[in-house]
């Protein structure tokens, strides 16, 4: 996906990760390690196998139904290329879950992609994804030509009508996103995603 592979390892304890050092040796591209936990992760343990702290994301949840805005529309397949360009220019491929073209089209067909257009050009996009009985607020961004402004607020506020519970992950350093989503009713649930990188 997006030009890189994901590996999933199941270990009984963190010490077993040391055995993977010889496996990682054969990969010359950056390697990302994600640890999802409700306990603080010891960065020194992963430093022993060459990983450095990269980012920390916290999970937020809400069941609050916010105001919808008429300017926010459901995306069509014809919007795919514009959306792909905006999200790939905005988000971090190493830490953000950016959909590829095929996945994006599936989300559009499920009516889980919302957009704002100004003068017939894409000004912003938000993506939701159904996860069991909840909606995962996967990403939201505004084109640089329309920052600052209210488009980000309108996109984040407009939710799928069938949703009752929503969750999202936010970079702990993205204070603007934290303020906005907190205003919209999102609250920390205690789970964090600790991301490490090995160059």
N, C-alpha and C. Protein backbone atom coordinates (compact mmCIF):
# COMPACT_ATOMS: atom_id res chain seq x y z
N UNK A 1 0.84 -1.19 0.00
CA UNK A 1 0.00 0.00 0.00
C UNK A 1 0.87 1.25 0.00
N UNK A 2 0.58 2.19 -0.92
CA UNK A 2 1.33 3.45 -1.02
C UNK A 2 2.83 3.23 -1.12
N UNK A 3 3.22 2.13 -1.77
CA UNK A 3 4.64 1.91 -2.04
C UNK A 3 5.44 1.30 -0.92
N UNK A 4 4.80 0.78 0.13
CA UNK A 4 5.56 0.11 1.17
C UNK A 4 4.77 -1.06 1.73
N UNK A 5 5.47 -1.94 2.44
CA UNK A 5 4.86 -3.13 3.00
C UNK A 5 4.61 -2.95 4.50
N UNK A 6 3.62 -3.68 5.00
CA UNK A 6 3.37 -3.72 6.43
C UNK A 6 3.61 -5.14 6.93
N UNK A 7 4.33 -5.26 8.02
CA UNK A 7 4.58 -6.55 8.65
C UNK A 7 3.90 -6.55 10.01
N UNK A 8 3.30 -7.67 10.35
CA UNK A 8 2.64 -7.80 11.65
C UNK A 8 3.32 -8.91 12.44
N UNK A 9 3.79 -8.57 13.64
CA UNK A 9 4.46 -9.55 14.49
C UNK A 9 3.70 -9.68 15.81
N UNK A 10 3.53 -10.90 16.23
CA UNK A 10 2.89 -11.15 17.52
C UNK A 10 3.95 -11.71 18.46
N UNK A 11 4.20 -11.00 19.54
CA UNK A 11 5.23 -11.42 20.48
C UNK A 11 4.62 -11.53 21.87
N UNK A 12 5.23 -12.37 22.69
CA UNK A 12 4.75 -12.56 24.05
C UNK A 12 5.22 -11.45 24.98
N UNK A 13 6.36 -10.85 24.64
CA UNK A 13 6.86 -9.72 25.41
C UNK A 13 7.78 -8.89 24.53
N UNK A 14 8.05 -7.67 24.96
CA UNK A 14 8.84 -6.75 24.14
C UNK A 14 10.26 -7.23 23.88
N UNK A 15 10.80 -8.03 24.79
CA UNK A 15 12.18 -8.50 24.63
C UNK A 15 12.33 -9.35 23.36
N UNK A 16 11.25 -10.01 22.95
CA UNK A 16 11.32 -10.86 21.76
C UNK A 16 11.56 -10.05 20.48
N UNK A 17 11.31 -8.75 20.53
CA UNK A 17 11.56 -7.92 19.35
C UNK A 17 13.04 -7.86 19.00
N UNK A 18 13.90 -8.11 19.97
CA UNK A 18 15.34 -8.11 19.69
C UNK A 18 15.70 -9.16 18.64
N UNK A 19 14.93 -10.24 18.59
CA UNK A 19 15.20 -11.30 17.62
C UNK A 19 14.91 -10.87 16.18
N UNK A 20 14.23 -9.75 16.02
CA UNK A 20 13.88 -9.28 14.68
C UNK A 20 14.96 -8.39 14.08
N UNK A 21 15.97 -8.05 14.86
CA UNK A 21 17.00 -7.13 14.37
C UNK A 21 17.68 -7.66 13.11
N UNK A 22 17.96 -8.96 13.07
CA UNK A 22 18.62 -9.53 11.89
C UNK A 22 17.69 -9.51 10.68
N UNK A 23 16.39 -9.62 10.92
CA UNK A 23 15.41 -9.54 9.82
C UNK A 23 15.36 -8.13 9.25
N UNK A 24 15.34 -7.12 10.12
CA UNK A 24 15.28 -5.74 9.67
C UNK A 24 16.52 -5.33 8.90
N UNK A 25 17.63 -6.03 9.13
CA UNK A 25 18.91 -5.67 8.50
C UNK A 25 18.80 -5.67 6.97
N UNK A 26 17.95 -6.52 6.42
CA UNK A 26 17.87 -6.68 4.97
C UNK A 26 17.03 -5.59 4.30
N UNK A 27 16.39 -4.74 5.08
CA UNK A 27 15.53 -3.69 4.51
C UNK A 27 16.22 -2.34 4.68
N UNK A 28 16.52 -1.73 3.55
CA UNK A 28 17.26 -0.48 3.57
C UNK A 28 16.37 0.75 3.59
N UNK A 29 15.07 0.56 3.38
CA UNK A 29 14.12 1.67 3.47
C UNK A 29 13.73 1.89 4.93
N UNK A 30 13.17 3.08 5.24
CA UNK A 30 12.72 3.31 6.62
C UNK A 30 11.71 2.25 7.07
N UNK A 31 11.84 1.82 8.30
CA UNK A 31 10.92 0.84 8.88
C UNK A 31 10.19 1.50 10.04
N UNK A 32 8.88 1.34 10.03
CA UNK A 32 8.06 1.94 11.08
C UNK A 32 7.57 0.84 12.03
N UNK A 33 7.67 1.11 13.31
CA UNK A 33 7.19 0.20 14.34
C UNK A 33 6.07 0.92 15.11
N UNK A 34 4.92 0.29 15.22
CA UNK A 34 3.80 0.88 15.94
C UNK A 34 3.45 0.00 17.14
N UNK A 35 3.34 0.64 18.30
CA UNK A 35 2.96 -0.05 19.51
C UNK A 35 1.70 0.62 20.05
N UNK A 36 0.58 -0.08 20.03
CA UNK A 36 -0.67 0.47 20.54
C UNK A 36 -0.88 -0.05 21.95
N UNK A 37 -1.02 0.89 22.89
CA UNK A 37 -1.06 0.47 24.29
C UNK A 37 -1.77 1.53 25.14
N UNK A 38 -2.29 1.08 26.28
CA UNK A 38 -2.82 2.04 27.25
C UNK A 38 -1.80 2.27 28.37
N UNK A 39 -0.60 1.71 28.19
CA UNK A 39 0.50 1.95 29.12
C UNK A 39 1.61 2.71 28.41
N UNK A 40 2.36 3.49 29.15
CA UNK A 40 3.47 4.23 28.56
C UNK A 40 4.53 3.25 28.05
N UNK A 41 5.02 3.51 26.84
CA UNK A 41 5.99 2.62 26.21
C UNK A 41 7.41 3.11 26.49
N UNK A 42 8.30 2.19 26.80
CA UNK A 42 9.69 2.51 27.09
C UNK A 42 10.48 2.61 25.79
N UNK A 43 10.81 3.84 25.40
CA UNK A 43 11.53 4.06 24.14
C UNK A 43 12.92 3.45 24.17
N UNK A 44 13.53 3.33 25.33
CA UNK A 44 14.89 2.78 25.42
C UNK A 44 14.95 1.34 24.94
N UNK A 45 13.88 0.59 25.15
CA UNK A 45 13.84 -0.80 24.72
C UNK A 45 13.98 -0.91 23.21
N UNK A 46 13.30 -0.04 22.48
CA UNK A 46 13.32 -0.10 21.02
C UNK A 46 14.58 0.55 20.44
N UNK A 47 15.19 1.43 21.23
CA UNK A 47 16.46 2.03 20.81
C UNK A 47 17.54 0.95 20.68
N UNK A 48 17.42 -0.11 21.47
CA UNK A 48 18.42 -1.19 21.43
C UNK A 48 18.42 -1.92 20.10
N UNK A 49 17.31 -1.86 19.36
CA UNK A 49 17.27 -2.50 18.04
C UNK A 49 17.16 -1.45 16.93
N UNK A 50 17.63 -0.23 17.25
CA UNK A 50 17.80 0.79 16.23
C UNK A 50 16.60 1.66 15.92
N UNK A 51 15.55 1.63 16.74
CA UNK A 51 14.36 2.45 16.49
C UNK A 51 14.38 3.72 17.33
N UNK A 52 14.00 4.82 16.69
CA UNK A 52 13.91 6.10 17.37
C UNK A 52 12.46 6.55 17.44
N UNK A 53 12.07 7.26 18.50
CA UNK A 53 10.69 7.79 18.57
C UNK A 53 10.39 8.67 17.37
N UNK A 54 9.22 8.52 16.80
CA UNK A 54 8.83 9.29 15.61
C UNK A 54 7.61 10.15 15.91
N UNK A 55 6.51 9.53 16.30
CA UNK A 55 5.29 10.27 16.65
C UNK A 55 4.49 9.47 17.66
N UNK A 56 3.60 10.17 18.34
CA UNK A 56 2.65 9.52 19.24
C UNK A 56 1.25 10.03 18.89
N UNK A 57 0.34 9.11 18.66
CA UNK A 57 -1.05 9.45 18.39
C UNK A 57 -1.91 8.98 19.56
N UNK A 58 -2.91 9.77 19.88
CA UNK A 58 -3.87 9.40 20.93
C UNK A 58 -5.23 9.15 20.30
N UNK A 59 -5.97 8.22 20.88
CA UNK A 59 -7.30 7.91 20.35
C UNK A 59 -8.37 8.68 21.12
N UNK A 60 -9.30 9.21 20.36
CA UNK A 60 -10.41 9.99 20.91
C UNK A 60 -11.73 9.36 20.46
N UNK A 61 -12.76 9.53 21.29
CA UNK A 61 -14.09 9.00 20.97
C UNK A 61 -15.16 10.04 21.30
N UNK A 62 -16.28 9.92 20.59
CA UNK A 62 -17.44 10.73 20.91
C UNK A 62 -18.71 10.05 20.43
N UNK A 63 -19.81 10.36 21.09
CA UNK A 63 -21.13 9.95 20.58
C UNK A 63 -22.00 11.19 20.34
N UNK A 64 -21.33 12.34 20.33
CA UNK A 64 -22.04 13.60 20.11
C UNK A 64 -22.35 13.78 18.63
N UNK A 65 -23.57 14.16 18.33
CA UNK A 65 -23.97 14.44 16.96
C UNK A 65 -23.82 15.94 16.72
N UNK A 66 -22.94 16.30 15.80
CA UNK A 66 -22.65 17.70 15.55
C UNK A 66 -23.46 18.23 14.36
N UNK A 67 -23.37 19.53 14.16
CA UNK A 67 -24.10 20.19 13.09
C UNK A 67 -23.54 19.81 11.73
N UNK A 68 -24.43 19.56 10.77
CA UNK A 68 -24.02 19.31 9.38
C UNK A 68 -24.15 20.61 8.58
N UNK A 69 -23.28 20.76 7.59
CA UNK A 69 -23.28 21.97 6.77
C UNK A 69 -23.58 21.61 5.32
N UNK A 70 -24.45 22.41 4.70
CA UNK A 70 -24.87 22.13 3.32
C UNK A 70 -23.72 22.20 2.33
N UNK A 71 -22.69 22.99 2.64
CA UNK A 71 -21.56 23.13 1.73
C UNK A 71 -20.75 21.84 1.64
N UNK A 72 -20.88 20.98 2.66
CA UNK A 72 -20.16 19.70 2.68
C UNK A 72 -20.99 18.67 1.91
N UNK A 73 -20.40 18.11 0.86
CA UNK A 73 -21.09 17.17 -0.01
C UNK A 73 -20.43 15.79 0.04
N UNK A 74 -21.17 14.77 -0.36
CA UNK A 74 -20.60 13.44 -0.51
C UNK A 74 -19.82 13.39 -1.82
N UNK A 75 -18.61 12.87 -1.76
CA UNK A 75 -17.74 12.83 -2.94
C UNK A 75 -18.25 11.85 -4.00
N UNK A 76 -17.88 12.11 -5.24
CA UNK A 76 -18.15 11.22 -6.36
C UNK A 76 -16.84 10.66 -6.88
N UNK A 77 -16.92 9.59 -7.66
CA UNK A 77 -15.71 8.98 -8.21
C UNK A 77 -14.91 9.96 -9.05
N UNK A 78 -15.59 10.94 -9.66
CA UNK A 78 -14.90 11.93 -10.48
C UNK A 78 -13.95 12.80 -9.65
N UNK A 79 -14.14 12.79 -8.33
CA UNK A 79 -13.29 13.60 -7.44
C UNK A 79 -12.02 12.86 -7.00
N UNK A 80 -11.88 11.60 -7.40
CA UNK A 80 -10.82 10.75 -6.87
C UNK A 80 -9.43 11.36 -7.02
N UNK A 81 -9.07 11.81 -8.21
CA UNK A 81 -7.71 12.30 -8.44
C UNK A 81 -7.40 13.54 -7.61
N UNK A 82 -8.35 14.45 -7.52
CA UNK A 82 -8.14 15.66 -6.71
C UNK A 82 -7.96 15.31 -5.24
N UNK A 83 -8.78 14.37 -4.76
CA UNK A 83 -8.68 13.96 -3.36
C UNK A 83 -7.34 13.30 -3.09
N UNK A 84 -6.93 12.39 -3.97
CA UNK A 84 -5.66 11.70 -3.79
C UNK A 84 -4.50 12.68 -3.72
N UNK A 85 -4.51 13.67 -4.59
CA UNK A 85 -3.42 14.65 -4.59
C UNK A 85 -3.39 15.43 -3.28
N UNK A 86 -4.56 15.88 -2.82
CA UNK A 86 -4.60 16.67 -1.60
C UNK A 86 -4.15 15.87 -0.39
N UNK A 87 -4.66 14.64 -0.23
CA UNK A 87 -4.30 13.88 0.97
C UNK A 87 -2.85 13.42 0.93
N UNK A 88 -2.34 13.11 -0.27
CA UNK A 88 -0.94 12.70 -0.35
C UNK A 88 0.01 13.87 -0.15
N UNK A 89 -0.42 15.06 -0.50
CA UNK A 89 0.40 16.25 -0.26
C UNK A 89 0.35 16.70 1.20
N UNK A 90 -0.70 16.28 1.91
CA UNK A 90 -0.93 16.77 3.27
C UNK A 90 -0.40 15.84 4.35
N UNK A 91 -0.61 14.53 4.17
CA UNK A 91 -0.36 13.60 5.26
C UNK A 91 0.97 12.87 5.13
N UNK A 92 1.39 12.29 6.24
CA UNK A 92 2.67 11.59 6.37
C UNK A 92 2.47 10.12 6.01
N UNK A 93 3.13 9.68 4.95
CA UNK A 93 2.96 8.29 4.50
C UNK A 93 3.47 7.28 5.51
N UNK A 94 4.36 7.70 6.39
CA UNK A 94 4.94 6.76 7.35
C UNK A 94 4.08 6.58 8.59
N UNK A 95 3.20 7.52 8.87
CA UNK A 95 2.43 7.41 10.12
C UNK A 95 0.93 7.55 9.94
N UNK A 96 0.48 8.12 8.85
CA UNK A 96 -0.95 8.32 8.64
C UNK A 96 -1.50 7.24 7.71
N UNK A 97 -2.75 6.87 7.93
CA UNK A 97 -3.36 5.80 7.15
C UNK A 97 -4.06 6.41 5.93
N UNK A 98 -3.24 6.63 4.90
CA UNK A 98 -3.71 7.26 3.67
C UNK A 98 -4.24 6.18 2.73
N UNK A 99 -5.48 6.30 2.29
CA UNK A 99 -5.99 5.28 1.36
C UNK A 99 -5.33 5.39 0.00
N UNK A 100 -5.10 4.24 -0.64
CA UNK A 100 -4.64 4.27 -2.03
C UNK A 100 -5.85 4.47 -2.94
N UNK A 101 -5.61 4.49 -4.24
CA UNK A 101 -6.69 4.81 -5.17
C UNK A 101 -7.85 3.83 -5.08
N UNK A 102 -7.55 2.54 -5.05
CA UNK A 102 -8.63 1.54 -5.00
C UNK A 102 -9.44 1.64 -3.71
N UNK A 103 -8.76 1.81 -2.59
CA UNK A 103 -9.46 1.91 -1.32
C UNK A 103 -10.30 3.18 -1.27
N UNK A 104 -9.75 4.28 -1.79
CA UNK A 104 -10.49 5.53 -1.80
C UNK A 104 -11.77 5.40 -2.60
N UNK A 105 -11.70 4.74 -3.74
CA UNK A 105 -12.89 4.56 -4.57
C UNK A 105 -13.96 3.75 -3.84
N UNK A 106 -13.53 2.74 -3.10
CA UNK A 106 -14.48 1.94 -2.32
C UNK A 106 -15.16 2.78 -1.25
N UNK A 107 -14.38 3.64 -0.60
CA UNK A 107 -14.93 4.51 0.44
C UNK A 107 -15.91 5.53 -0.16
N UNK A 108 -15.58 6.01 -1.35
CA UNK A 108 -16.47 6.95 -2.04
C UNK A 108 -17.79 6.26 -2.37
N UNK A 109 -17.72 5.04 -2.87
CA UNK A 109 -18.93 4.31 -3.23
C UNK A 109 -19.79 3.99 -2.01
N UNK A 110 -19.14 3.90 -0.84
CA UNK A 110 -19.87 3.66 0.41
C UNK A 110 -20.38 4.96 1.03
N UNK A 111 -20.14 6.08 0.32
CA UNK A 111 -20.56 7.41 0.76
C UNK A 111 -19.95 7.79 2.11
N UNK A 112 -18.66 7.49 2.25
CA UNK A 112 -17.95 7.80 3.49
C UNK A 112 -16.87 8.86 3.29
N UNK A 113 -16.89 9.51 2.11
CA UNK A 113 -15.93 10.57 1.81
C UNK A 113 -16.71 11.87 1.58
N UNK A 114 -16.34 12.91 2.32
CA UNK A 114 -17.03 14.19 2.25
C UNK A 114 -16.08 15.26 1.72
N UNK A 115 -16.60 16.16 0.91
CA UNK A 115 -15.74 17.19 0.32
C UNK A 115 -16.42 18.56 0.38
N UNK A 116 -15.58 19.57 0.27
CA UNK A 116 -16.03 20.94 0.06
C UNK A 116 -15.34 21.45 -1.20
N UNK A 117 -16.12 22.04 -2.10
CA UNK A 117 -15.57 22.63 -3.31
C UNK A 117 -15.83 24.13 -3.32
N UNK A 118 -14.84 24.89 -3.73
CA UNK A 118 -14.95 26.33 -3.91
C UNK A 118 -14.58 26.63 -5.36
N UNK A 119 -15.47 27.29 -6.07
CA UNK A 119 -15.24 27.58 -7.50
C UNK A 119 -14.90 26.31 -8.27
N UNK A 120 -15.63 25.24 -7.94
CA UNK A 120 -15.52 23.95 -8.61
C UNK A 120 -14.17 23.25 -8.41
N UNK A 121 -13.40 23.71 -7.43
CA UNK A 121 -12.13 23.07 -7.12
C UNK A 121 -12.18 22.55 -5.68
N UNK A 122 -11.50 21.43 -5.45
CA UNK A 122 -11.50 20.81 -4.12
C UNK A 122 -10.84 21.72 -3.10
N UNK A 123 -11.59 22.04 -2.04
CA UNK A 123 -11.06 22.90 -0.98
C UNK A 123 -10.76 22.11 0.29
N UNK A 124 -11.40 20.95 0.43
CA UNK A 124 -11.17 20.14 1.63
C UNK A 124 -11.84 18.79 1.52
N UNK A 125 -11.38 17.84 2.34
CA UNK A 125 -11.93 16.49 2.30
C UNK A 125 -11.86 15.88 3.70
N UNK A 126 -12.84 15.06 4.02
CA UNK A 126 -12.79 14.24 5.23
C UNK A 126 -13.23 12.83 4.87
N UNK A 127 -12.64 11.87 5.56
CA UNK A 127 -12.94 10.46 5.27
C UNK A 127 -13.32 9.75 6.56
N UNK A 128 -14.45 9.07 6.51
CA UNK A 128 -14.89 8.20 7.59
C UNK A 128 -14.82 6.76 7.09
N UNK A 129 -14.79 5.85 8.01
CA UNK A 129 -14.77 4.43 7.65
C UNK A 129 -15.53 3.65 8.73
N UNK A 130 -16.46 2.81 8.30
CA UNK A 130 -17.22 2.03 9.27
C UNK A 130 -16.31 0.98 9.91
N UNK A 131 -16.33 0.95 11.24
CA UNK A 131 -15.57 -0.02 12.02
C UNK A 131 -16.53 -0.64 13.04
N UNK A 132 -17.03 -1.82 12.69
CA UNK A 132 -18.00 -2.50 13.56
C UNK A 132 -19.20 -1.58 13.78
N UNK A 133 -19.45 -1.16 15.02
CA UNK A 133 -20.62 -0.32 15.29
C UNK A 133 -20.24 1.15 15.38
N UNK A 134 -19.01 1.48 15.03
CA UNK A 134 -18.54 2.86 15.11
C UNK A 134 -18.07 3.35 13.74
N UNK A 135 -17.91 4.66 13.65
CA UNK A 135 -17.27 5.25 12.49
C UNK A 135 -15.88 5.72 12.89
N UNK A 136 -14.90 5.36 12.09
CA UNK A 136 -13.52 5.80 12.28
C UNK A 136 -13.33 7.07 11.45
N UNK A 137 -13.17 8.21 12.12
CA UNK A 137 -12.89 9.48 11.45
C UNK A 137 -11.43 9.45 11.04
N UNK A 138 -11.18 8.98 9.83
CA UNK A 138 -9.84 8.58 9.41
C UNK A 138 -8.92 9.75 9.11
N UNK A 139 -9.43 10.75 8.41
CA UNK A 139 -8.61 11.92 8.13
C UNK A 139 -9.47 13.08 7.68
N UNK A 140 -8.92 14.27 7.79
CA UNK A 140 -9.58 15.47 7.32
C UNK A 140 -8.51 16.52 7.04
N UNK A 141 -8.64 17.21 5.92
CA UNK A 141 -7.66 18.24 5.61
C UNK A 141 -8.26 19.29 4.68
N UNK A 142 -7.62 20.44 4.68
CA UNK A 142 -8.07 21.58 3.88
C UNK A 142 -6.93 22.00 2.96
N UNK A 143 -7.28 22.37 1.73
CA UNK A 143 -6.27 22.83 0.77
C UNK A 143 -5.59 24.09 1.31
N UNK A 144 -4.28 24.23 1.11
CA UNK A 144 -3.55 25.41 1.63
C UNK A 144 -4.16 26.74 1.22
N UNK A 145 -4.79 26.79 0.04
CA UNK A 145 -5.38 28.06 -0.42
C UNK A 145 -6.55 28.50 0.44
N UNK A 146 -7.07 27.61 1.28
CA UNK A 146 -8.25 27.92 2.08
C UNK A 146 -7.99 27.82 3.57
N UNK A 147 -6.72 27.94 3.95
CA UNK A 147 -6.34 27.98 5.36
C UNK A 147 -5.85 29.39 5.69
N UNK A 148 -6.15 29.93 6.86
CA UNK A 148 -7.13 29.41 7.83
C UNK A 148 -8.54 29.72 7.36
N UNK A 149 -9.50 29.17 8.06
CA UNK A 149 -10.90 29.39 7.69
C UNK A 149 -11.78 28.38 8.40
N UNK A 150 -13.02 28.29 7.97
CA UNK A 150 -13.99 27.44 8.64
C UNK A 150 -14.20 26.10 7.94
N UNK A 151 -13.52 25.86 6.83
CA UNK A 151 -13.75 24.62 6.09
C UNK A 151 -13.39 23.40 6.93
N UNK A 152 -12.27 23.47 7.63
CA UNK A 152 -11.87 22.34 8.48
C UNK A 152 -12.90 22.04 9.54
N UNK A 153 -13.46 23.08 10.16
CA UNK A 153 -14.50 22.90 11.17
C UNK A 153 -15.74 22.27 10.56
N UNK A 154 -16.16 22.76 9.38
CA UNK A 154 -17.38 22.24 8.76
C UNK A 154 -17.22 20.78 8.34
N UNK A 155 -16.04 20.42 7.87
CA UNK A 155 -15.78 19.03 7.49
C UNK A 155 -15.79 18.12 8.71
N UNK A 156 -15.14 18.54 9.79
CA UNK A 156 -15.06 17.72 11.00
C UNK A 156 -16.42 17.61 11.69
N UNK A 157 -17.24 18.63 11.55
CA UNK A 157 -18.55 18.64 12.19
C UNK A 157 -19.57 17.78 11.46
N UNK A 158 -19.44 17.72 10.14
CA UNK A 158 -20.41 16.98 9.33
C UNK A 158 -20.07 15.49 9.36
N UNK A 159 -20.94 14.70 9.97
CA UNK A 159 -20.69 13.27 10.18
C UNK A 159 -21.67 12.43 9.37
N UNK A 160 -21.34 11.17 9.11
CA UNK A 160 -22.31 10.27 8.47
C UNK A 160 -23.60 10.21 9.29
N UNK A 161 -24.73 10.32 8.61
CA UNK A 161 -26.01 10.39 9.30
C UNK A 161 -26.32 9.14 10.12
N UNK A 162 -25.84 8.00 9.67
CA UNK A 162 -26.17 6.74 10.35
C UNK A 162 -25.28 6.47 11.57
N UNK A 163 -24.29 7.33 11.80
CA UNK A 163 -23.35 7.08 12.89
C UNK A 163 -23.89 7.44 14.25
N UNK A 164 -23.48 6.68 15.26
CA UNK A 164 -23.82 6.97 16.65
C UNK A 164 -22.56 7.15 17.49
N UNK A 165 -21.51 6.42 17.13
CA UNK A 165 -20.24 6.50 17.85
C UNK A 165 -19.13 6.74 16.85
N UNK A 166 -18.18 7.61 17.25
CA UNK A 166 -17.10 7.97 16.35
C UNK A 166 -15.78 7.89 17.12
N UNK A 167 -14.73 7.50 16.40
CA UNK A 167 -13.40 7.51 17.00
C UNK A 167 -12.41 8.08 16.00
N UNK A 168 -11.33 8.64 16.51
CA UNK A 168 -10.30 9.18 15.65
C UNK A 168 -8.96 9.12 16.37
N UNK A 169 -7.87 9.16 15.60
CA UNK A 169 -6.52 9.21 16.13
C UNK A 169 -5.93 10.57 15.78
N UNK A 170 -5.30 11.23 16.75
CA UNK A 170 -4.71 12.55 16.50
C UNK A 170 -3.27 12.58 17.01
N UNK A 171 -2.39 13.12 16.19
CA UNK A 171 -1.00 13.32 16.57
C UNK A 171 -0.95 14.23 17.80
N UNK A 172 -0.23 13.80 18.83
CA UNK A 172 -0.16 14.57 20.07
C UNK A 172 0.41 15.97 19.86
N UNK A 173 1.13 16.19 18.77
CA UNK A 173 1.70 17.51 18.49
C UNK A 173 0.80 18.37 17.61
N UNK A 174 -0.30 17.82 17.15
CA UNK A 174 -1.22 18.57 16.29
C UNK A 174 -2.25 19.28 17.17
N UNK A 175 -1.82 20.38 17.78
CA UNK A 175 -2.64 21.07 18.76
C UNK A 175 -3.91 21.64 18.14
N UNK A 176 -3.83 22.08 16.88
CA UNK A 176 -5.01 22.63 16.21
C UNK A 176 -6.09 21.56 16.06
N UNK A 177 -5.70 20.35 15.64
CA UNK A 177 -6.67 19.27 15.48
C UNK A 177 -7.23 18.83 16.83
N UNK A 178 -6.39 18.84 17.86
CA UNK A 178 -6.85 18.46 19.20
C UNK A 178 -7.90 19.45 19.69
N UNK A 179 -7.64 20.75 19.52
CA UNK A 179 -8.59 21.77 19.95
C UNK A 179 -9.92 21.65 19.21
N UNK A 180 -9.84 21.46 17.89
CA UNK A 180 -11.05 21.37 17.08
C UNK A 180 -11.88 20.16 17.48
N UNK A 181 -11.25 19.00 17.55
CA UNK A 181 -12.01 17.78 17.84
C UNK A 181 -12.51 17.75 19.28
N UNK A 182 -11.76 18.35 20.20
CA UNK A 182 -12.24 18.47 21.57
C UNK A 182 -13.49 19.35 21.62
N UNK A 183 -13.46 20.44 20.86
CA UNK A 183 -14.63 21.32 20.78
C UNK A 183 -15.85 20.57 20.24
N UNK A 184 -15.61 19.61 19.34
CA UNK A 184 -16.70 18.84 18.74
C UNK A 184 -17.12 17.64 19.59
N UNK A 185 -16.54 17.50 20.77
CA UNK A 185 -17.00 16.48 21.71
C UNK A 185 -16.13 15.25 21.84
N UNK A 186 -15.02 15.20 21.10
CA UNK A 186 -14.13 14.04 21.21
C UNK A 186 -13.35 14.08 22.52
N UNK A 187 -13.24 12.91 23.16
CA UNK A 187 -12.51 12.80 24.42
C UNK A 187 -11.51 11.65 24.36
N UNK A 188 -10.39 11.84 25.03
CA UNK A 188 -9.38 10.80 25.10
C UNK A 188 -9.95 9.54 25.73
N UNK A 189 -9.57 8.37 25.17
CA UNK A 189 -10.03 7.11 25.79
C UNK A 189 -8.88 6.33 26.43
N UNK A 190 -7.68 6.92 26.44
CA UNK A 190 -6.56 6.31 27.15
C UNK A 190 -5.64 5.45 26.31
N UNK A 191 -5.98 5.24 25.03
CA UNK A 191 -5.15 4.41 24.15
C UNK A 191 -4.24 5.31 23.32
N UNK A 192 -2.98 4.90 23.21
CA UNK A 192 -2.01 5.65 22.40
C UNK A 192 -1.33 4.73 21.40
N UNK A 193 -0.92 5.31 20.29
CA UNK A 193 -0.15 4.60 19.28
C UNK A 193 1.25 5.21 19.26
N UNK A 194 2.23 4.45 19.77
CA UNK A 194 3.61 4.92 19.82
C UNK A 194 4.30 4.46 18.54
N UNK A 195 4.79 5.41 17.76
CA UNK A 195 5.40 5.12 16.47
C UNK A 195 6.90 5.38 16.53
N UNK A 196 7.66 4.38 16.09
CA UNK A 196 9.12 4.47 16.06
C UNK A 196 9.60 4.27 14.63
N UNK A 197 10.78 4.81 14.31
CA UNK A 197 11.32 4.68 12.96
C UNK A 197 12.75 4.15 13.02
N UNK A 198 13.08 3.31 12.04
CA UNK A 198 14.44 2.78 11.89
C UNK A 198 14.88 3.10 10.48
N UNK A 199 15.87 3.96 10.33
CA UNK A 199 16.36 4.36 9.00
C UNK A 199 17.43 3.42 8.48
